[in-house]
Amino acid sequence: MPQPFFTPQLLAELKVLGLFNSASQQEGIKVHSSADQELVEATGRLYDKGLITQSDGGYLTTLGQDAAEHARDLAQLLDGRELTT
């Protein structure tokens, strides 16, 4: 049987990307150490992958902005809402 494409770790990373404000690149996030451990770890992995500027959040990098946009598009497609550009 094939492995699931969307692992719990990947879903947590997508959840963190969804926390960023899509309307403003000047608005970052801070994931506190007291937050759900799954989100704390996901934030660290996004930093390691070069998608965000700090290990506890910060801002999206250019690559992170692209990833967050694709994640929003996928969520909209799966939710059945019409996409806007």
PDB file of N, CA and C in Angstrom:
ATOM      1  N   MET A   1       0.843  -1.177   0.000  1.00  0.00           N
ATOM      2  CA  MET A   1       0.000   0.000   0.000  1.00  0.00           C
ATOM      3  C   MET A   1       0.891   1.244   0.000  1.00  0.00           C
ATOM      4  N   PRO A   2       0.604   2.227  -0.851  1.00  0.00           N
ATOM      5  CA  PRO A   2       1.434   3.435  -0.895  1.00  0.00           C
ATOM      6  C   PRO A   2       1.276   4.265   0.383  1.00  0.00           C
ATOM      7  N   GLN A   3       2.334   5.001   0.689  1.00  0.00           N
ATOM      8  CA  GLN A   3       2.298   5.887   1.847  1.00  0.00           C
ATOM      9  C   GLN A   3       1.415   7.091   1.531  1.00  0.00           C
ATOM     10  N   PRO A   4       0.709   7.614   2.528  1.00  0.00           N
ATOM     11  CA  PRO A   4      -0.108   8.811   2.285  1.00  0.00           C
ATOM     12  C   PRO A   4       0.774  10.008   1.946  1.00  0.00           C
ATOM     13  N   PHE A   5       0.333  10.781   0.978  1.00  0.00           N
ATOM     14  CA  PHE A   5       1.083  11.956   0.548  1.00  0.00           C
ATOM     15  C   PHE A   5       1.076  13.030   1.638  1.00  0.00           C
ATOM     16  N   PHE A   6      -0.071  13.225   2.265  1.00  0.00           N
ATOM     17  CA  PHE A   6      -0.215  14.250   3.297  1.00  0.00           C
ATOM     18  C   PHE A   6      -0.009  13.622   4.667  1.00  0.00           C
ATOM     19  N   THR A   7       1.232  13.627   5.121  1.00  0.00           N
ATOM     20  CA  THR A   7       1.571  13.090   6.429  1.00  0.00           C
ATOM     21  C   THR A   7       1.101  14.073   7.508  1.00  0.00           C
ATOM     22  N   PRO A   8       0.993  13.636   8.746  1.00  0.00           N
ATOM     23  CA  PRO A   8       0.639  14.578   9.819  1.00  0.00           C
ATOM     24  C   PRO A   8       1.618  15.746   9.912  1.00  0.00           C
ATOM     25  N   GLN A   9       2.898  15.498   9.652  1.00  0.00           N
ATOM     26  CA  GLN A   9       3.897  16.571   9.700  1.00  0.00           C
ATOM     27  C   GLN A   9       3.654  17.598   8.592  1.00  0.00           C
ATOM     28  N   LEU A  10       3.360  17.120   7.391  1.00  0.00           N
ATOM     29  CA  LEU A  10       3.089  18.022   6.274  1.00  0.00           C
ATOM     30  C   LEU A  10       1.815  18.824   6.534  1.00  0.00           C
ATOM     31  N   LEU A  11       0.797  18.185   7.060  1.00  0.00           N
ATOM     32  CA  LEU A  11      -0.447  18.901   7.371  1.00  0.00           C
ATOM     33  C   LEU A  11      -0.205  19.989   8.414  1.00  0.00           C
ATOM     34  N   ALA A  12       0.643  19.717   9.391  1.00  0.00           N
ATOM     35  CA  ALA A  12       0.965  20.728  10.402  1.00  0.00           C
ATOM     36  C   ALA A  12       1.706  21.902   9.763  1.00  0.00           C
ATOM     37  N   GLU A  13       2.601  21.618   8.836  1.00  0.00           N
ATOM     38  CA  GLU A  13       3.316  22.691   8.138  1.00  0.00           C
ATOM     39  C   GLU A  13       2.348  23.530   7.307  1.00  0.00           C
ATOM     40  N   LEU A  14       1.403  22.888   6.658  1.00  0.00           N
ATOM     41  CA  LEU A  14       0.389  23.620   5.893  1.00  0.00           C
ATOM     42  C   LEU A  14      -0.450  24.490   6.817  1.00  0.00           C
ATOM     43  N   LYS A  15      -0.737  23.971   8.005  1.00  0.00           N
ATOM     44  CA  LYS A  15      -1.511  24.738   8.982  1.00  0.00           C
ATOM     45  C   LYS A  15      -0.755  26.006   9.382  1.00  0.00           C
ATOM     46  N   VAL A  16       0.551  25.880   9.603  1.00  0.00           N
ATOM     47  CA  VAL A  16       1.354  27.053   9.967  1.00  0.00           C
ATOM     48  C   VAL A  16       1.385  28.048   8.806  1.00  0.00           C
ATOM     49  N   LEU A  17       1.574  27.575   7.589  1.00  0.00           N
ATOM     50  CA  LEU A  17       1.561  28.485   6.434  1.00  0.00           C
ATOM     51  C   LEU A  17       0.235  29.237   6.351  1.00  0.00           C
ATOM     52  N   GLY A  18      -0.846  28.575   6.727  1.00  0.00           N
ATOM     53  CA  GLY A  18      -2.162  29.206   6.698  1.00  0.00           C
ATOM     54  C   GLY A  18      -2.349  30.282   7.752  1.00  0.00           C
ATOM     55  N   LEU A  19      -1.457  30.354   8.723  1.00  0.00           N
ATOM     56  CA  LEU A  19      -1.555  31.387   9.755  1.00  0.00           C
ATOM     57  C   LEU A  19      -1.083  32.753   9.262  1.00  0.00           C
ATOM     58  N   PHE A  20      -0.299  32.764   8.196  1.00  0.00           N
ATOM     59  CA  PHE A  20       0.208  34.031   7.672  1.00  0.00           C
ATOM     60  C   PHE A  20      -0.891  34.770   6.927  1.00  0.00           C
ATOM     61  N   ASN A  21      -0.903  36.081   7.075  1.00  0.00           N
ATOM     62  CA  ASN A  21      -1.889  36.940   6.421  1.00  0.00           C
ATOM     63  C   ASN A  21      -1.551  37.040   4.937  1.00  0.00           C
ATOM     64  N   SER A  22      -2.430  36.542   4.091  1.00  0.00           N
ATOM     65  CA  SER A  22      -2.180  36.563   2.650  1.00  0.00           C
ATOM     66  C   SER A  22      -2.285  37.959   2.061  1.00  0.00           C
ATOM     67  N   ALA A  23      -2.898  38.881   2.784  1.00  0.00           N
ATOM     68  CA  ALA A  23      -3.077  40.230   2.270  1.00  0.00           C
ATOM     69  C   ALA A  23      -1.887  41.143   2.556  1.00  0.00           C
ATOM     70  N   SER A  24      -0.971  40.707   3.438  1.00  0.00           N
ATOM     71  CA  SER A  24       0.149  41.570   3.804  1.00  0.00           C
ATOM     72  C   SER A  24       1.416  40.758   3.994  1.00  0.00           C
ATOM     73  N   GLN A  25       2.440  41.102   3.219  1.00  0.00           N
ATOM     74  CA  GLN A  25       3.737  40.454   3.381  1.00  0.00           C
ATOM     75  C   GLN A  25       4.518  41.082   4.531  1.00  0.00           C
ATOM     76  N   GLN A  26       4.000  42.171   5.086  1.00  0.00           N
ATOM     77  CA  GLN A  26       4.657  42.874   6.184  1.00  0.00           C
ATOM     78  C   GLN A  26       4.191  42.376   7.553  1.00  0.00           C
ATOM     79  N   GLU A  27       3.323  41.386   7.567  1.00  0.00           N
ATOM     80  CA  GLU A  27       2.790  40.865   8.824  1.00  0.00           C
ATOM     81  C   GLU A  27       3.307  39.450   9.042  1.00  0.00           C
ATOM     82  N   GLY A  28       4.033  39.263  10.128  1.00  0.00           N
ATOM     83  CA  GLY A  28       4.578  37.953  10.448  1.00  0.00           C
ATOM     84  C   GLY A  28       3.771  37.270  11.535  1.00  0.00           C
ATOM     85  N   ILE A  29       4.296  36.137  11.998  1.00  0.00           N
ATOM     86  CA  ILE A  29       3.666  35.408  13.090  1.00  0.00           C
ATOM     87  C   ILE A  29       4.728  35.032  14.115  1.00  0.00           C
ATOM     88  N   LYS A  30       4.286  34.693  15.301  1.00  0.00           N
ATOM     89  CA  LYS A  30       5.158  34.197  16.370  1.00  0.00           C
ATOM     90  C   LYS A  30       4.471  32.967  16.951  1.00  0.00           C
ATOM     91  N   VAL A  31       5.136  31.824  16.867  1.00  0.00           N
ATOM     92  CA  VAL A  31       4.614  30.597  17.457  1.00  0.00           C
ATOM     93  C   VAL A  31       5.353  30.405  18.782  1.00  0.00           C
ATOM     94  N   HIS A  32       4.653  30.632  19.866  1.00  0.00           N
ATOM     95  CA  HIS A  32       5.255  30.560  21.195  1.00  0.00           C
ATOM     96  C   HIS A  32       5.561  29.117  21.579  1.00  0.00           C
ATOM     97  N   SER A  33       6.546  28.948  22.423  1.00  0.00           N
ATOM     98  CA  SER A  33       6.939  27.604  22.862  1.00  0.00           C
ATOM     99  C   SER A  33       5.817  26.910  23.621  1.00  0.00           C
ATOM    100  N   SER A  34       4.850  27.670  24.116  1.00  0.00           N
ATOM    101  CA  SER A  34       3.719  27.082  24.835  1.00  0.00           C
ATOM    102  C   SER A  34       2.600  26.642  23.879  1.00  0.00           C
ATOM    103  N   ALA A  35       2.767  26.904  22.584  1.00  0.00           N
ATOM    104  CA  ALA A  35       1.761  26.501  21.590  1.00  0.00           C
ATOM    105  C   ALA A  35       1.768  24.982  21.442  1.00  0.00           C
ATOM    106  N   ASP A  36       0.788  24.471  20.732  1.00  0.00           N
ATOM    107  CA  ASP A  36       0.717  23.043  20.464  1.00  0.00           C
ATOM    108  C   ASP A  36       2.053  22.574  19.896  1.00  0.00           C
ATOM    109  N   GLN A  37       2.611  21.523  20.482  1.00  0.00           N
ATOM    110  CA  GLN A  37       3.938  21.029  20.093  1.00  0.00           C
ATOM    111  C   GLN A  37       4.015  20.725  18.598  1.00  0.00           C
ATOM    112  N   GLU A  38       2.937  20.240  18.036  1.00  0.00           N
ATOM    113  CA  GLU A  38       2.885  19.941  16.597  1.00  0.00           C
ATOM    114  C   GLU A  38       3.176  21.195  15.770  1.00  0.00           C
ATOM    115  N   LEU A  39       2.602  22.338  16.175  1.00  0.00           N
ATOM    116  CA  LEU A  39       2.821  23.594  15.449  1.00  0.00           C
ATOM    117  C   LEU A  39       4.223  24.144  15.689  1.00  0.00           C
ATOM    118  N   VAL A  40       4.735  23.987  16.916  1.00  0.00           N
ATOM    119  CA  VAL A  40       6.098  24.441  17.214  1.00  0.00           C
ATOM    120  C   VAL A  40       7.096  23.690  16.331  1.00  0.00           C
ATOM    121  N   GLU A  41       6.940  22.378  16.253  1.00  0.00           N
ATOM    122  CA  GLU A  41       7.848  21.571  15.433  1.00  0.00           C
ATOM    123  C   GLU A  41       7.690  21.876  13.949  1.00  0.00           C
ATOM    124  N   ALA A  42       6.458  22.065  13.502  1.00  0.00           N
ATOM    125  CA  ALA A  42       6.208  22.382  12.093  1.00  0.00           C
ATOM    126  C   ALA A  42       6.852  23.715  11.721  1.00  0.00           C
ATOM    127  N   THR A  43       6.779  24.671  12.618  1.00  0.00           N
ATOM    128  CA  THR A  43       7.389  25.980  12.371  1.00  0.00           C
ATOM    129  C   THR A  43       8.900  25.840  12.231  1.00  0.00           C
ATOM    130  N   GLY A  44       9.502  25.034  13.063  1.00  0.00           N
ATOM    131  CA  GLY A  44      10.942  24.785  12.958  1.00  0.00           C
ATOM    132  C   GLY A  44      11.309  24.135  11.633  1.00  0.00           C
ATOM    133  N   ARG A  45      10.486  23.190  11.181  1.00  0.00           N
ATOM    134  CA  ARG A  45      10.774  22.539   9.891  1.00  0.00           C
ATOM    135  C   ARG A  45      10.641  23.523   8.735  1.00  0.00           C
ATOM    136  N   LEU A  46       9.648  24.418   8.795  1.00  0.00           N
ATOM    137  CA  LEU A  46       9.497  25.423   7.735  1.00  0.00           C
ATOM    138  C   LEU A  46      10.709  26.341   7.695  1.00  0.00           C
ATOM    139  N   TYR A  47      11.239  26.677   8.864  1.00  0.00           N
ATOM    140  CA  TYR A  47      12.457  27.493   8.920  1.00  0.00           C
ATOM    141  C   TYR A  47      13.626  26.739   8.301  1.00  0.00           C
ATOM    142  N   ASP A  48      13.774  25.477   8.667  1.00  0.00           N
ATOM    143  CA  ASP A  48      14.865  24.658   8.124  1.00  0.00           C
ATOM    144  C   ASP A  48      14.778  24.531   6.604  1.00  0.00           C
ATOM    145  N   LYS A  49      13.576  24.578   6.071  1.00  0.00           N
ATOM    146  CA  LYS A  49      13.360  24.461   4.622  1.00  0.00           C
ATOM    147  C   LYS A  49      13.485  25.805   3.909  1.00  0.00           C
ATOM    148  N   GLY A  50      13.683  26.872   4.677  1.00  0.00           N
ATOM    149  CA  GLY A  50      13.854  28.188   4.076  1.00  0.00           C
ATOM    150  C   GLY A  50      12.561  28.876   3.687  1.00  0.00           C
ATOM    151  N   LEU A  51      11.443  28.477   4.289  1.00  0.00           N
ATOM    152  CA  LEU A  51      10.153  29.073   3.945  1.00  0.00           C
ATOM    153  C   LEU A  51       9.779  30.240   4.847  1.00  0.00           C
ATOM    154  N   ILE A  52      10.371  30.301   6.045  1.00  0.00           N
ATOM    155  CA  ILE A  52      10.122  31.407   6.967  1.00  0.00           C
ATOM    156  C   ILE A  52      11.454  31.910   7.504  1.00  0.00           C
ATOM    157  N   THR A  53      11.444  33.127   8.052  1.00  0.00           N
ATOM    158  CA  THR A  53      12.696  33.782   8.408  1.00  0.00           C
ATOM    159  C   THR A  53      13.226  33.451   9.798  1.00  0.00           C
ATOM    160  N   GLN A  54      12.388  32.900  10.678  1.00  0.00           N
ATOM    161  CA  GLN A  54      12.836  32.576  12.032  1.00  0.00           C
ATOM    162  C   GLN A  54      12.283  31.222  12.438  1.00  0.00           C
ATOM    163  N   SER A  55      12.982  30.570  13.342  1.00  0.00           N
ATOM    164  CA  SER A  55      12.565  29.229  13.751  1.00  0.00           C
ATOM    165  C   SER A  55      11.261  29.224  14.538  1.00  0.00           C
ATOM    166  N   ASP A  56      10.833  30.382  15.026  1.00  0.00           N
ATOM    167  CA  ASP A  56       9.560  30.471  15.733  1.00  0.00           C
ATOM    168  C   ASP A  56       8.534  31.303  14.966  1.00  0.00           C
ATOM    169  N   GLY A  57       8.757  31.480  13.678  1.00  0.00           N
ATOM    170  CA  GLY A  57       7.802  32.216  12.843  1.00  0.00           C
ATOM    171  C   GLY A  57       8.485  33.261  11.992  1.00  0.00           C
ATOM    172  N   GLY A  58       8.296  34.515  12.383  1.00  0.00           N
ATOM    173  CA  GLY A  58       8.874  35.594  11.597  1.00  0.00           C
ATOM    174  C   GLY A  58       8.010  35.890  10.381  1.00  0.00           C
ATOM    175  N   TYR A  59       8.661  36.008   9.248  1.00  0.00           N
ATOM    176  CA  TYR A  59       7.981  36.351   8.000  1.00  0.00           C
ATOM    177  C   TYR A  59       8.199  35.248   6.975  1.00  0.00           C
ATOM    178  N   LEU A  60       7.352  35.223   5.982  1.00  0.00           N
ATOM    179  CA  LEU A  60       7.547  34.292   4.874  1.00  0.00           C
ATOM    180  C   LEU A  60       8.695  34.776   4.004  1.00  0.00           C
ATOM    181  N   THR A  61       9.526  33.863   3.570  1.00  0.00           N
ATOM    182  CA  THR A  61      10.529  34.182   2.561  1.00  0.00           C
ATOM    183  C   THR A  61       9.813  34.203   1.208  1.00  0.00           C
ATOM    184  N   THR A  62      10.538  34.538   0.159  1.00  0.00           N
ATOM    185  CA  THR A  62       9.941  34.505  -1.180  1.00  0.00           C
ATOM    186  C   THR A  62       9.421  33.106  -1.493  1.00  0.00           C
ATOM    187  N   LEU A  63      10.218  32.099  -1.170  1.00  0.00           N
ATOM    188  CA  LEU A  63       9.786  30.713  -1.370  1.00  0.00           C
ATOM    189  C   LEU A  63       8.571  30.396  -0.500  1.00  0.00           C
ATOM    190  N   GLY A  64       8.577  30.890   0.719  1.00  0.00           N
ATOM    191  CA  GLY A  64       7.444  30.683   1.618  1.00  0.00           C
ATOM    192  C   GLY A  64       6.175  31.349   1.116  1.00  0.00           C
ATOM    193  N   GLN A  65       6.318  32.532   0.518  1.00  0.00           N
ATOM    194  CA  GLN A  65       5.150  33.218  -0.051  1.00  0.00           C
ATOM    195  C   GLN A  65       4.536  32.380  -1.160  1.00  0.00           C
ATOM    196  N   ASP A  66       5.386  31.810  -2.010  1.00  0.00           N
ATOM    197  CA  ASP A  66       4.892  30.935  -3.079  1.00  0.00           C
ATOM    198  C   ASP A  66       4.199  29.704  -2.495  1.00  0.00           C
ATOM    199  N   ALA A  67       4.825  29.089  -1.493  1.00  0.00           N
ATOM    200  CA  ALA A  67       4.249  27.892  -0.877  1.00  0.00           C
ATOM    201  C   ALA A  67       2.906  28.201  -0.221  1.00  0.00           C
ATOM    202  N   ALA A  68       2.832  29.320   0.494  1.00  0.00           N
ATOM    203  CA  ALA A  68       1.576  29.699   1.163  1.00  0.00           C
ATOM    204  C   ALA A  68       0.481  29.962   0.131  1.00  0.00           C
ATOM    205  N   GLU A  69       0.838  30.591  -0.984  1.00  0.00           N
ATOM    206  CA  GLU A  69      -0.150  30.852  -2.037  1.00  0.00           C
ATOM    207  C   GLU A  69      -0.671  29.540  -2.627  1.00  0.00           C
ATOM    208  N   HIS A  70       0.224  28.608  -2.886  1.00  0.00           N
ATOM    209  CA  HIS A  70      -0.197  27.309  -3.420  1.00  0.00           C
ATOM    210  C   HIS A  70      -1.059  26.554  -2.404  1.00  0.00           C
ATOM    211  N   ALA A  71      -0.696  26.654  -1.138  1.00  0.00           N
ATOM    212  CA  ALA A  71      -1.478  25.987  -0.083  1.00  0.00           C
ATOM    213  C   ALA A  71      -2.889  26.567  -0.018  1.00  0.00           C
ATOM    214  N   ARG A  72      -2.994  27.890  -0.115  1.00  0.00           N
ATOM    215  CA  ARG A  72      -4.330  28.532  -0.111  1.00  0.00           C
ATOM    216  C   ARG A  72      -5.131  28.097  -1.328  1.00  0.00           C
ATOM    217  N   ASP A  73      -4.485  28.039  -2.484  1.00  0.00           N
ATOM    218  CA  ASP A  73      -5.177  27.610  -3.703  1.00  0.00           C
ATOM    219  C   ASP A  73      -5.687  26.182  -3.558  1.00  0.00           C
ATOM    220  N   LEU A  74      -4.855  25.307  -3.030  1.00  0.00           N
ATOM    221  CA  LEU A  74      -5.269  23.917  -2.839  1.00  0.00           C
ATOM    222  C   LEU A  74      -6.431  23.830  -1.861  1.00  0.00           C
ATOM    223  N   ALA A  75      -6.346  24.571  -0.766  1.00  0.00           N
ATOM    224  CA  ALA A  75      -7.436  24.558   0.219  1.00  0.00           C
ATOM    225  C   ALA A  75      -8.738  25.031  -0.415  1.00  0.00           C
ATOM    226  N   GLN A  76      -8.676  26.060  -1.235  1.00  0.00           N
ATOM    227  CA  GLN A  76      -9.872  26.567  -1.902  1.00  0.00           C
ATOM    228  C   GLN A  76     -10.433  25.543  -2.880  1.00  0.00           C
ATOM    229  N   LEU A  77      -9.555  24.884  -3.624  1.00  0.00           N
ATOM    230  CA  LEU A  77     -10.010  23.850  -4.561  1.00  0.00           C
ATOM    231  C   LEU A  77     -10.712  22.708  -3.836  1.00  0.00           C
ATOM    232  N   LEU A  78     -10.097  22.259  -2.755  1.00  0.00           N
ATOM    233  CA  LEU A  78     -10.661  21.140  -2.013  1.00  0.00           C
ATOM    234  C   LEU A  78     -11.931  21.533  -1.262  1.00  0.00           C
ATOM    235  N   ASP A  79     -12.032  22.789  -0.924  1.00  0.00           N
ATOM    236  CA  ASP A  79     -13.210  23.294  -0.209  1.00  0.00           C
ATOM    237  C   ASP A  79     -14.362  23.548  -1.177  1.00  0.00           C
ATOM    238  N   GLY A  80     -14.071  23.583  -2.479  1.00  0.00           N
ATOM    239  CA  GLY A  80     -15.114  23.813  -3.471  1.00  0.00           C
ATOM    240  C   GLY A  80     -15.419  25.265  -3.742  1.00  0.00           C
ATOM    241  N   ARG A  81     -14.639  26.166  -3.120  1.00  0.00           N
ATOM    242  CA  ARG A  81     -14.858  27.586  -3.384  1.00  0.00           C
ATOM    243  C   ARG A  81     -14.153  27.980  -4.664  1.00  0.00           C
ATOM    244  N   GLU A  82     -14.688  28.982  -5.322  1.00  0.00           N
ATOM    245  CA  GLU A  82     -14.080  29.448  -6.565  1.00  0.00           C
ATOM    246  C   GLU A  82     -12.798  30.216  -6.264  1.00  0.00           C
ATOM    247  N   LEU A  83     -11.780  29.962  -7.050  1.00  0.00           N
ATOM    248  CA  LEU A  83     -10.504  30.639  -6.870  1.00  0.00           C
ATOM    249  C   LEU A  83     -10.561  32.063  -7.370  1.00  0.00           C
ATOM    250  N   THR A  84      -9.843  32.939  -6.673  1.00  0.00           N
ATOM    251  CA  THR A  84      -9.664  34.307  -7.158  1.00  0.00           C
ATOM    252  C   THR A  84      -8.193  34.532  -7.358  1.00  0.00           C
ATOM    253  N   THR A  85      -7.849  35.355  -8.349  1.00  0.00           N
ATOM    254  CA  THR A  85      -6.440  35.623  -8.610  1.00  0.00           C
ATOM    255  C   THR A  85      -6.072  37.010  -8.196  1.00  0.00           C
TER     256      THR A  85
END
